[in-house]
Amino acid sequence: MKPFTTLIALLAFGLFFTGISQAHTPLFSCYDNGDGSITCEGGFSDGSSAAGVAVRVVDKDGKVLMEDKLDEFSEYTVEKPSHEFTVIFDAGDGHEIKVPGKEIF
């Protein structure tokens, strides 16, 4: 019976690490285009696309200024707000990234 228990333990261990290896971490960055607009790019650490992921631009009080989704190239270009703002990549629970406007060059 002991070899059977060991086999079950190894299978469970393998399934656990298979799930971890397939997990993906969100990636998101923004840059200033130098023409009054910013472009943000998103994706996931496993190489999967972020096309269609929600993106919001909010002011310092959290008021939504602009809201859209990443395009088919996982990009979002928008006019740069003239006051303090944050761009939020929101791919669901545990997959949200905030980029403050002051960090966008």
PDB file of N, CA and C in Angstrom:
ATOM      1  N   MET A   1       0.811  -1.194   0.000  1.00  0.00           N
ATOM      2  CA  MET A   1       0.000   0.000   0.000  1.00  0.00           C
ATOM      3  C   MET A   1       0.854   1.257   0.000  1.00  0.00           C
ATOM      4  N   LYS A   2       2.056   1.178   0.557  1.00  0.00           N
ATOM      5  CA  LYS A   2       2.919   2.346   0.632  1.00  0.00           C
ATOM      6  C   LYS A   2       3.314   2.877  -0.755  1.00  0.00           C
ATOM      7  N   PRO A   3       3.681   2.028  -1.742  1.00  0.00           N
ATOM      8  CA  PRO A   3       4.008   2.547  -3.075  1.00  0.00           C
ATOM      9  C   PRO A   3       2.818   3.301  -3.694  1.00  0.00           C
ATOM     10  N   PHE A   4       1.602   2.822  -3.455  1.00  0.00           N
ATOM     11  CA  PHE A   4       0.415   3.493  -3.988  1.00  0.00           C
ATOM     12  C   PHE A   4       0.272   4.891  -3.373  1.00  0.00           C
ATOM     13  N   THR A   5       0.481   5.030  -2.077  1.00  0.00           N
ATOM     14  CA  THR A   5       0.397   6.313  -1.390  1.00  0.00           C
ATOM     15  C   THR A   5       1.465   7.261  -1.924  1.00  0.00           C
ATOM     16  N   THR A   6       2.657   6.759  -2.152  1.00  0.00           N
ATOM     17  CA  THR A   6       3.751   7.569  -2.696  1.00  0.00           C
ATOM     18  C   THR A   6       3.404   8.056  -4.105  1.00  0.00           C
ATOM     19  N   LEU A   7       2.816   7.176  -4.912  1.00  0.00           N
ATOM     20  CA  LEU A   7       2.416   7.554  -6.266  1.00  0.00           C
ATOM     21  C   LEU A   7       1.373   8.663  -6.231  1.00  0.00           C
ATOM     22  N   ILE A   8       0.378   8.546  -5.376  1.00  0.00           N
ATOM     23  CA  ILE A   8      -0.664   9.565  -5.244  1.00  0.00           C
ATOM     24  C   ILE A   8      -0.043  10.894  -4.807  1.00  0.00           C
ATOM     25  N   ALA A   9       0.876  10.840  -3.851  1.00  0.00           N
ATOM     26  CA  ALA A   9       1.536  12.057  -3.372  1.00  0.00           C
ATOM     27  C   ALA A   9       2.326  12.725  -4.498  1.00  0.00           C
ATOM     28  N   LEU A  10       3.038  11.941  -5.296  1.00  0.00           N
ATOM     29  CA  LEU A  10       3.808  12.498  -6.410  1.00  0.00           C
ATOM     30  C   LEU A  10       2.901  13.112  -7.470  1.00  0.00           C
ATOM     31  N   LEU A  11       1.792  12.457  -7.761  1.00  0.00           N
ATOM     32  CA  LEU A  11       0.835  13.009  -8.726  1.00  0.00           C
ATOM     33  C   LEU A  11       0.242  14.321  -8.233  1.00  0.00           C
ATOM     34  N   ALA A  12      -0.131  14.371  -6.978  1.00  0.00           N
ATOM     35  CA  ALA A  12      -0.685  15.601  -6.400  1.00  0.00           C
ATOM     36  C   ALA A  12       0.349  16.716  -6.440  1.00  0.00           C
ATOM     37  N   PHE A  13       1.582  16.393  -6.091  1.00  0.00           N
ATOM     38  CA  PHE A  13       2.678  17.359  -6.116  1.00  0.00           C
ATOM     39  C   PHE A  13       2.878  17.891  -7.540  1.00  0.00           C
ATOM     40  N   GLY A  14       2.880  17.002  -8.508  1.00  0.00           N
ATOM     41  CA  GLY A  14       3.049  17.391  -9.905  1.00  0.00           C
ATOM     42  C   GLY A  14       1.921  18.282 -10.401  1.00  0.00           C
ATOM     43  N   LEU A  15       0.693  17.949 -10.052  1.00  0.00           N
ATOM     44  CA  LEU A  15      -0.453  18.775 -10.450  1.00  0.00           C
ATOM     45  C   LEU A  15      -0.376  20.154  -9.818  1.00  0.00           C
ATOM     46  N   PHE A  16       0.049  20.227  -8.578  1.00  0.00           N
ATOM     47  CA  PHE A  16       0.185  21.506  -7.881  1.00  0.00           C
ATOM     48  C   PHE A  16       1.176  22.401  -8.616  1.00  0.00           C
ATOM     49  N   PHE A  17       2.349  21.886  -8.973  1.00  0.00           N
ATOM     50  CA  PHE A  17       3.354  22.704  -9.636  1.00  0.00           C
ATOM     51  C   PHE A  17       3.018  22.978 -11.094  1.00  0.00           C
ATOM     52  N   THR A  18       2.230  22.135 -11.723  1.00  0.00           N
ATOM     53  CA  THR A  18       1.771  22.415 -13.074  1.00  0.00           C
ATOM     54  C   THR A  18       0.892  23.651 -13.056  1.00  0.00           C
ATOM     55  N   GLY A  19       0.025  23.769 -12.076  1.00  0.00           N
ATOM     56  CA  GLY A  19      -0.832  24.951 -11.943  1.00  0.00           C
ATOM     57  C   GLY A  19      -0.030  26.207 -11.703  1.00  0.00           C
ATOM     58  N   ILE A  20       0.992  26.111 -10.885  1.00  0.00           N
ATOM     59  CA  ILE A  20       1.831  27.278 -10.606  1.00  0.00           C
ATOM     60  C   ILE A  20       2.589  27.692 -11.864  1.00  0.00           C
ATOM     61  N   SER A  21       3.114  26.747 -12.604  1.00  0.00           N
ATOM     62  CA  SER A  21       3.908  27.085 -13.783  1.00  0.00           C
ATOM     63  C   SER A  21       3.047  27.707 -14.879  1.00  0.00           C
ATOM     64  N   GLN A  22       1.746  27.459 -14.858  1.00  0.00           N
ATOM     65  CA  GLN A  22       0.868  28.036 -15.855  1.00  0.00           C
ATOM     66  C   GLN A  22       0.286  29.369 -15.417  1.00  0.00           C
ATOM     67  N   ALA A  23       0.563  29.796 -14.189  1.00  0.00           N
ATOM     68  CA  ALA A  23       0.081  31.085 -13.708  1.00  0.00           C
ATOM     69  C   ALA A  23       0.747  32.182 -14.509  1.00  0.00           C
ATOM     70  N   HIS A  24       0.061  33.289 -14.640  1.00  0.00           N
ATOM     71  CA  HIS A  24       0.656  34.399 -15.368  1.00  0.00           C
ATOM     72  C   HIS A  24       0.519  35.682 -14.560  1.00  0.00           C
ATOM     73  N   THR A  25       1.561  36.468 -14.630  1.00  0.00           N
ATOM     74  CA  THR A  25       1.621  37.742 -13.925  1.00  0.00           C
ATOM     75  C   THR A  25       1.332  38.847 -14.931  1.00  0.00           C
ATOM     76  N   PRO A  26       0.499  39.830 -14.571  1.00  0.00           N
ATOM     77  CA  PRO A  26       0.243  40.924 -15.498  1.00  0.00           C
ATOM     78  C   PRO A  26       1.456  41.839 -15.623  1.00  0.00           C
ATOM     79  N   LEU A  27       1.641  42.369 -16.814  1.00  0.00           N
ATOM     80  CA  LEU A  27       2.709  43.324 -17.105  1.00  0.00           C
ATOM     81  C   LEU A  27       2.065  44.543 -17.750  1.00  0.00           C
ATOM     82  N   PHE A  28       2.476  45.744 -17.340  1.00  0.00           N
ATOM     83  CA  PHE A  28       1.859  46.952 -17.878  1.00  0.00           C
ATOM     84  C   PHE A  28       2.820  48.112 -17.732  1.00  0.00           C
ATOM     85  N   SER A  29       3.006  48.862 -18.796  1.00  0.00           N
ATOM     86  CA  SER A  29       3.853  50.051 -18.741  1.00  0.00           C
ATOM     87  C   SER A  29       3.299  51.113 -19.680  1.00  0.00           C
ATOM     88  N   CYS A  30       3.622  52.360 -19.376  1.00  0.00           N
ATOM     89  CA  CYS A  30       3.162  53.484 -20.177  1.00  0.00           C
ATOM     90  C   CYS A  30       4.333  54.401 -20.476  1.00  0.00           C
ATOM     91  N   TYR A  31       4.267  55.088 -21.598  1.00  0.00           N
ATOM     92  CA  TYR A  31       5.301  56.052 -21.941  1.00  0.00           C
ATOM     93  C   TYR A  31       4.678  57.257 -22.637  1.00  0.00           C
ATOM     94  N   ASP A  32       5.370  58.380 -22.522  1.00  0.00           N
ATOM     95  CA  ASP A  32       4.944  59.641 -23.119  1.00  0.00           C
ATOM     96  C   ASP A  32       5.405  59.667 -24.569  1.00  0.00           C
ATOM     97  N   ASN A  33       4.499  59.944 -25.484  1.00  0.00           N
ATOM     98  CA  ASN A  33       4.832  59.983 -26.900  1.00  0.00           C
ATOM     99  C   ASN A  33       5.478  61.301 -27.318  1.00  0.00           C
ATOM    100  N   GLY A  34       5.468  62.289 -26.424  1.00  0.00           N
ATOM    101  CA  GLY A  34       6.064  63.580 -26.737  1.00  0.00           C
ATOM    102  C   GLY A  34       5.187  64.480 -27.587  1.00  0.00           C
ATOM    103  N   ASP A  35       3.964  64.068 -27.846  1.00  0.00           N
ATOM    104  CA  ASP A  35       3.046  64.864 -28.668  1.00  0.00           C
ATOM    105  C   ASP A  35       1.745  65.171 -27.925  1.00  0.00           C
ATOM    106  N   GLY A  36       1.794  65.070 -26.586  1.00  0.00           N
ATOM    107  CA  GLY A  36       0.596  65.310 -25.782  1.00  0.00           C
ATOM    108  C   GLY A  36      -0.208  64.049 -25.522  1.00  0.00           C
ATOM    109  N   SER A  37       0.302  62.905 -25.962  1.00  0.00           N
ATOM    110  CA  SER A  37      -0.400  61.644 -25.724  1.00  0.00           C
ATOM    111  C   SER A  37       0.522  60.665 -25.019  1.00  0.00           C
ATOM    112  N   ILE A  38      -0.089  59.645 -24.426  1.00  0.00           N
ATOM    113  CA  ILE A  38       0.659  58.553 -23.805  1.00  0.00           C
ATOM    114  C   ILE A  38       0.181  57.242 -24.424  1.00  0.00           C
ATOM    115  N   THR A  39       1.069  56.271 -24.442  1.00  0.00           N
ATOM    116  CA  THR A  39       0.713  54.928 -24.893  1.00  0.00           C
ATOM    117  C   THR A  39       1.058  53.957 -23.784  1.00  0.00           C
ATOM    118  N   CYS A  40       0.136  53.045 -23.527  1.00  0.00           N
ATOM    119  CA  CYS A  40       0.347  52.013 -22.517  1.00  0.00           C
ATOM    120  C   CYS A  40       0.273  50.658 -23.209  1.00  0.00           C
ATOM    121  N   GLU A  41       1.112  49.742 -22.739  1.00  0.00           N
ATOM    122  CA  GLU A  41       1.159  48.390 -23.295  1.00  0.00           C
ATOM    123  C   GLU A  41       0.986  47.382 -22.173  1.00  0.00           C
ATOM    124  N   GLY A  42       0.208  46.348 -22.435  1.00  0.00           N
ATOM    125  CA  GLY A  42      -0.023  45.325 -21.424  1.00  0.00           C
ATOM    126  C   GLY A  42       0.217  43.936 -21.972  1.00  0.00           C
ATOM    127  N   GLY A  43       0.340  43.002 -21.070  1.00  0.00           N
ATOM    128  CA  GLY A  43       0.518  41.602 -21.441  1.00  0.00           C
ATOM    129  C   GLY A  43       0.624  40.766 -20.186  1.00  0.00           C
ATOM    130  N   PHE A  44       1.024  39.522 -20.350  1.00  0.00           N
ATOM    131  CA  PHE A  44       1.179  38.620 -19.225  1.00  0.00           C
ATOM    132  C   PHE A  44       2.518  37.908 -19.331  1.00  0.00           C
ATOM    133  N   SER A  45       3.072  37.532 -18.199  1.00  0.00           N
ATOM    134  CA  SER A  45       4.405  36.931 -18.148  1.00  0.00           C
ATOM    135  C   SER A  45       4.509  35.623 -18.919  1.00  0.00           C
ATOM    136  N   ASP A  46       3.387  34.965 -19.172  1.00  0.00           N
ATOM    137  CA  ASP A  46       3.432  33.718 -19.942  1.00  0.00           C
ATOM    138  C   ASP A  46       3.352  33.970 -21.451  1.00  0.00           C
ATOM    139  N   GLY A  47       3.381  35.263 -21.837  1.00  0.00           N
ATOM    140  CA  GLY A  47       3.356  35.623 -23.249  1.00  0.00           C
ATOM    141  C   GLY A  47       1.967  35.817 -23.819  1.00  0.00           C
ATOM    142  N   SER A  48       0.928  35.599 -23.021  1.00  0.00           N
ATOM    143  CA  SER A  48      -0.425  35.751 -23.552  1.00  0.00           C
ATOM    144  C   SER A  48      -0.788  37.223 -23.720  1.00  0.00           C
ATOM    145  N   SER A  49      -1.656  37.458 -24.655  1.00  0.00           N
ATOM    146  CA  SER A  49      -2.097  38.803 -25.011  1.00  0.00           C
ATOM    147  C   SER A  49      -2.987  39.403 -23.925  1.00  0.00           C
ATOM    148  N   ALA A  50      -2.961  40.726 -23.855  1.00  0.00           N
ATOM    149  CA  ALA A  50      -3.855  41.437 -22.941  1.00  0.00           C
ATOM    150  C   ALA A  50      -4.911  42.214 -23.728  1.00  0.00           C
ATOM    151  N   ALA A  51      -5.075  41.893 -25.010  1.00  0.00           N
ATOM    152  CA  ALA A  51      -6.081  42.558 -25.829  1.00  0.00           C
ATOM    153  C   ALA A  51      -7.451  42.424 -25.162  1.00  0.00           C
ATOM    154  N   GLY A  52      -8.157  43.537 -25.080  1.00  0.00           N
ATOM    155  CA  GLY A  52      -9.485  43.538 -24.478  1.00  0.00           C
ATOM    156  C   GLY A  52      -9.509  43.784 -22.979  1.00  0.00           C
ATOM    157  N   VAL A  53      -8.346  43.877 -22.346  1.00  0.00           N
ATOM    158  CA  VAL A  53      -8.292  44.139 -20.904  1.00  0.00           C
ATOM    159  C   VAL A  53      -8.683  45.592 -20.647  1.00  0.00           C
ATOM    160  N   ALA A  54      -9.477  45.809 -19.609  1.00  0.00           N
ATOM    161  CA  ALA A  54      -9.951  47.150 -19.258  1.00  0.00           C
ATOM    162  C   ALA A  54      -8.810  48.046 -18.787  1.00  0.00           C
ATOM    163  N   VAL A  55      -8.871  49.304 -19.231  1.00  0.00           N
ATOM    164  CA  VAL A  55      -7.914  50.328 -18.815  1.00  0.00           C
ATOM    165  C   VAL A  55      -8.709  51.572 -18.432  1.00  0.00           C
ATOM    166  N   ARG A  56      -8.337  52.155 -17.289  1.00  0.00           N
ATOM    167  CA  ARG A  56      -8.983  53.385 -16.831  1.00  0.00           C
ATOM    168  C   ARG A  56      -7.929  54.436 -16.525  1.00  0.00           C
ATOM    169  N   VAL A  57      -8.269  55.680 -16.805  1.00  0.00           N
ATOM    170  CA  VAL A  57      -7.450  56.805 -16.383  1.00  0.00           C
ATOM    171  C   VAL A  57      -8.283  57.525 -15.331  1.00  0.00           C
ATOM    172  N   VAL A  58      -7.713  57.659 -14.134  1.00  0.00           N
ATOM    173  CA  VAL A  58      -8.442  58.288 -13.032  1.00  0.00           C
ATOM    174  C   VAL A  58      -7.655  59.486 -12.516  1.00  0.00           C
ATOM    175  N   ASP A  59      -8.387  60.460 -11.921  1.00  0.00           N
ATOM    176  CA  ASP A  59      -7.708  61.598 -11.325  1.00  0.00           C
ATOM    177  C   ASP A  59      -7.278  61.256  -9.905  1.00  0.00           C
ATOM    178  N   LYS A  60      -6.701  62.221  -9.192  1.00  0.00           N
ATOM    179  CA  LYS A  60      -6.159  61.949  -7.855  1.00  0.00           C
ATOM    180  C   LYS A  60      -7.226  61.531  -6.849  1.00  0.00           C
ATOM    181  N   ASP A  61      -8.502  61.849  -7.148  1.00  0.00           N
ATOM    182  CA  ASP A  61      -9.602  61.465  -6.258  1.00  0.00           C
ATOM    183  C   ASP A  61     -10.256  60.151  -6.665  1.00  0.00           C
ATOM    184  N   GLY A  62      -9.749  59.524  -7.734  1.00  0.00           N
ATOM    185  CA  GLY A  62     -10.298  58.253  -8.191  1.00  0.00           C
ATOM    186  C   GLY A  62     -11.423  58.386  -9.205  1.00  0.00           C
ATOM    187  N   LYS A  63     -11.743  59.629  -9.589  1.00  0.00           N
ATOM    188  CA  LYS A  63     -12.796  59.854 -10.583  1.00  0.00           C
ATOM    189  C   LYS A  63     -12.295  59.383 -11.951  1.00  0.00           C
ATOM    190  N   VAL A  64     -13.103  58.586 -12.636  1.00  0.00           N
ATOM    191  CA  VAL A  64     -12.729  58.059 -13.947  1.00  0.00           C
ATOM    192  C   VAL A  64     -12.780  59.184 -14.988  1.00  0.00           C
ATOM    193  N   LEU A  65     -11.628  59.436 -15.609  1.00  0.00           N
ATOM    194  CA  LEU A  65     -11.529  60.455 -16.658  1.00  0.00           C
ATOM    195  C   LEU A  65     -11.747  59.837 -18.033  1.00  0.00           C
ATOM    196  N   MET A  66     -11.182  58.649 -18.236  1.00  0.00           N
ATOM    197  CA  MET A  66     -11.303  57.916 -19.493  1.00  0.00           C
ATOM    198  C   MET A  66     -11.320  56.430 -19.187  1.00  0.00           C
ATOM    199  N   GLU A  67     -12.024  55.691 -20.020  1.00  0.00           N
ATOM    200  CA  GLU A  67     -12.125  54.246 -19.823  1.00  0.00           C
ATOM    201  C   GLU A  67     -12.213  53.581 -21.179  1.00  0.00           C
ATOM    202  N   ASP A  68     -11.449  52.524 -21.353  1.00  0.00           N
ATOM    203  CA  ASP A  68     -11.439  51.815 -22.628  1.00  0.00           C
ATOM    204  C   ASP A  68     -10.862  50.426 -22.404  1.00  0.00           C
ATOM    205  N   LYS A  69     -10.471  49.769 -23.492  1.00  0.00           N
ATOM    206  CA  LYS A  69      -9.833  48.454 -23.426  1.00  0.00           C
ATOM    207  C   LYS A  69      -8.588  48.479 -24.297  1.00  0.00           C
ATOM    208  N   LEU A  70      -7.628  47.626 -23.974  1.00  0.00           N
ATOM    209  CA  LEU A  70      -6.447  47.503 -24.813  1.00  0.00           C
ATOM    210  C   LEU A  70      -6.865  46.980 -26.181  1.00  0.00           C
ATOM    211  N   ASP A  71      -6.244  47.507 -27.236  1.00  0.00           N
ATOM    212  CA  ASP A  71      -6.601  47.099 -28.590  1.00  0.00           C
ATOM    213  C   ASP A  71      -6.017  45.724 -28.934  1.00  0.00           C
ATOM    214  N   GLU A  72      -6.136  45.338 -30.189  1.00  0.00           N
ATOM    215  CA  GLU A  72      -5.682  44.001 -30.608  1.00  0.00           C
ATOM    216  C   GLU A  72      -4.171  43.810 -30.479  1.00  0.00           C
ATOM    217  N   PHE A  73      -3.443  44.924 -30.312  1.00  0.00           N
ATOM    218  CA  PHE A  73      -1.993  44.854 -30.106  1.00  0.00           C
ATOM    219  C   PHE A  73      -1.632  45.011 -28.625  1.00  0.00           C
ATOM    220  N   SER A  74      -2.655  44.943 -27.758  1.00  0.00           N
ATOM    221  CA  SER A  74      -2.499  45.113 -26.305  1.00  0.00           C
ATOM    222  C   SER A  74      -1.961  46.496 -25.961  1.00  0.00           C
ATOM    223  N   GLU A  75      -2.406  47.510 -26.710  1.00  0.00           N
ATOM    224  CA  GLU A  75      -1.980  48.892 -26.491  1.00  0.00           C
ATOM    225  C   GLU A  75      -3.176  49.806 -26.262  1.00  0.00           C
ATOM    226  N   TYR A  76      -2.889  50.946 -25.651  1.00  0.00           N
ATOM    227  CA  TYR A  76      -3.903  51.967 -25.391  1.00  0.00           C
ATOM    228  C   TYR A  76      -3.212  53.319 -25.497  1.00  0.00           C
ATOM    229  N   THR A  77      -3.663  54.159 -26.419  1.00  0.00           N
ATOM    230  CA  THR A  77      -3.108  55.501 -26.585  1.00  0.00           C
ATOM    231  C   THR A  77      -4.207  56.502 -26.295  1.00  0.00           C
ATOM    232  N   VAL A  78      -3.850  57.520 -25.502  1.00  0.00           N
ATOM    233  CA  VAL A  78      -4.829  58.508 -25.071  1.00  0.00           C
ATOM    234  C   VAL A  78      -4.141  59.853 -24.867  1.00  0.00           C
ATOM    235  N   GLU A  79      -4.906  60.924 -24.964  1.00  0.00           N
ATOM    236  CA  GLU A  79      -4.373  62.256 -24.687  1.00  0.00           C
ATOM    237  C   GLU A  79      -3.968  62.324 -23.218  1.00  0.00           C
ATOM    238  N   LYS A  80      -2.793  62.858 -22.965  1.00  0.00           N
ATOM    239  CA  LYS A  80      -2.261  62.937 -21.601  1.00  0.00           C
ATOM    240  C   LYS A  80      -3.015  64.012 -20.814  1.00  0.00           C
ATOM    241  N   PRO A  81      -3.620  63.635 -19.692  1.00  0.00           N
ATOM    242  CA  PRO A  81      -4.319  64.631 -18.874  1.00  0.00           C
ATOM    243  C   PRO A  81      -3.344  65.714 -18.385  1.00  0.00           C
ATOM    244  N   SER A  82      -3.854  66.921 -18.211  1.00  0.00           N
ATOM    245  CA  SER A  82      -2.998  68.042 -17.800  1.00  0.00           C
ATOM    246  C   SER A  82      -2.795  68.101 -16.289  1.00  0.00           C
ATOM    247  N   HIS A  83      -3.540  67.320 -15.537  1.00  0.00           N
ATOM    248  CA  HIS A  83      -3.406  67.320 -14.078  1.00  0.00           C
ATOM    249  C   HIS A  83      -3.055  65.908 -13.586  1.00  0.00           C
ATOM    250  N   GLU A  84      -2.868  65.765 -12.290  1.00  0.00           N
ATOM    251  CA  GLU A  84      -2.453  64.491 -11.696  1.00  0.00           C
ATOM    252  C   GLU A  84      -3.419  63.356 -12.076  1.00  0.00           C
ATOM    253  N   PHE A  85      -2.842  62.228 -12.501  1.00  0.00           N
ATOM    254  CA  PHE A  85      -3.662  61.089 -12.936  1.00  0.00           C
ATOM    255  C   PHE A  85      -2.929  59.779 -12.707  1.00  0.00           C
ATOM    256  N   THR A  86      -3.680  58.690 -12.818  1.00  0.00           N
ATOM    257  CA  THR A  86      -3.138  57.336 -12.737  1.00  0.00           C
ATOM    258  C   THR A  86      -3.818  56.495 -13.816  1.00  0.00           C
ATOM    259  N   VAL A  87      -3.044  55.638 -14.476  1.00  0.00           N
ATOM    260  CA  VAL A  87      -3.597  54.702 -15.462  1.00  0.00           C
ATOM    261  C   VAL A  87      -3.686  53.340 -14.789  1.00  0.00           C
ATOM    262  N   ILE A  88      -4.847  52.708 -14.885  1.00  0.00           N
ATOM    263  CA  ILE A  88      -5.079  51.426 -14.225  1.00  0.00           C
ATOM    264  C   ILE A  88      -5.354  50.339 -15.264  1.00  0.00           C
ATOM    265  N   PHE A  89      -4.555  49.286 -15.207  1.00  0.00           N
ATOM    266  CA  PHE A  89      -4.730  48.074 -16.017  1.00  0.00           C
ATOM    267  C   PHE A  89      -5.505  47.113 -15.128  1.00  0.00           C
ATOM    268  N   ASP A  90      -6.700  46.702 -15.562  1.00  0.00           N
ATOM    269  CA  ASP A  90      -7.554  45.881 -14.707  1.00  0.00           C
ATOM    270  C   ASP A  90      -7.979  44.596 -15.410  1.00  0.00           C
ATOM    271  N   ALA A  91      -7.187  43.536 -15.160  1.00  0.00           N
ATOM    272  CA  ALA A  91      -7.476  42.239 -15.768  1.00  0.00           C
ATOM    273  C   ALA A  91      -8.202  41.315 -14.792  1.00  0.00           C
ATOM    274  N   GLY A  92      -8.797  41.897 -13.755  1.00  0.00           N
ATOM    275  CA  GLY A  92      -9.546  41.090 -12.801  1.00  0.00           C
ATOM    276  C   GLY A  92      -8.836  40.960 -11.472  1.00  0.00           C
ATOM    277  N   ASP A  93      -9.450  40.218 -10.593  1.00  0.00           N
ATOM    278  CA  ASP A  93      -8.963  40.036  -9.231  1.00  0.00           C
ATOM    279  C   ASP A  93      -7.495  39.617  -9.192  1.00  0.00           C
ATOM    280  N   GLY A  94      -6.674  40.421  -8.517  1.00  0.00           N
ATOM    281  CA  GLY A  94      -5.256  40.103  -8.387  1.00  0.00           C
ATOM    282  C   GLY A  94      -4.425  40.439  -9.613  1.00  0.00           C
ATOM    283  N   HIS A  95      -5.042  41.028 -10.608  1.00  0.00           N
ATOM    284  CA  HIS A  95      -4.347  41.360 -11.853  1.00  0.00           C
ATOM    285  C   HIS A  95      -4.545  42.834 -12.200  1.00  0.00           C
ATOM    286  N   GLU A  96      -4.366  43.693 -11.222  1.00  0.00           N
ATOM    287  CA  GLU A  96      -4.519  45.128 -11.429  1.00  0.00           C
ATOM    288  C   GLU A  96      -3.172  45.812 -11.220  1.00  0.00           C
ATOM    289  N   ILE A  97      -2.822  46.694 -12.145  1.00  0.00           N
ATOM    290  CA  ILE A  97      -1.582  47.457 -12.045  1.00  0.00           C
ATOM    291  C   ILE A  97      -1.931  48.929 -12.204  1.00  0.00           C
ATOM    292  N   LYS A  98      -1.371  49.753 -11.327  1.00  0.00           N
ATOM    293  CA  LYS A  98      -1.578  51.199 -11.385  1.00  0.00           C
ATOM    294  C   LYS A  98      -0.267  51.885 -11.734  1.00  0.00           C
ATOM    295  N   VAL A  99      -0.322  52.770 -12.743  1.00  0.00           N
ATOM    296  CA  VAL A  99       0.857  53.538 -13.148  1.00  0.00           C
ATOM    297  C   VAL A  99       0.539  55.014 -12.934  1.00  0.00           C
ATOM    298  N   PRO A 100       1.156  55.637 -11.917  1.00  0.00           N
ATOM    299  CA  PRO A 100       0.933  57.073 -11.684  1.00  0.00           C
ATOM    300  C   PRO A 100       1.468  57.910 -12.862  1.00  0.00           C
ATOM    301  N   GLY A 101       0.754  58.954 -13.209  1.00  0.00           N
ATOM    302  CA  GLY A 101       1.164  59.811 -14.312  1.00  0.00           C
ATOM    303  C   GLY A 101       2.562  60.369 -14.148  1.00  0.00           C
ATOM    304  N   LYS A 102       2.961  60.647 -12.910  1.00  0.00           N
ATOM    305  CA  LYS A 102       4.305  61.211 -12.676  1.00  0.00           C
ATOM    306  C   LYS A 102       5.429  60.221 -13.004  1.00  0.00           C
ATOM    307  N   GLU A 103       5.094  58.950 -13.197  1.00  0.00           N
ATOM    308  CA  GLU A 103       6.088  57.936 -13.568  1.00  0.00           C
ATOM    309  C   GLU A 103       6.113  57.660 -15.071  1.00  0.00           C
ATOM    310  N   ILE A 104       5.298  58.390 -15.830  1.00  0.00           N
ATOM    311  CA  ILE A 104       5.237  58.189 -17.279  1.00  0.00           C
ATOM    312  C   ILE A 104       6.105  59.238 -17.959  1.00  0.00           C
ATOM    313  N   PHE A 105       7.176  58.804 -18.600  1.00  0.00           N
ATOM    314  CA  PHE A 105       8.112  59.715 -19.268  1.00  0.00           C
ATOM    315  C   PHE A 105       8.039  59.488 -20.757  1.00  0.00           C
TER     316      PHE A 105
END
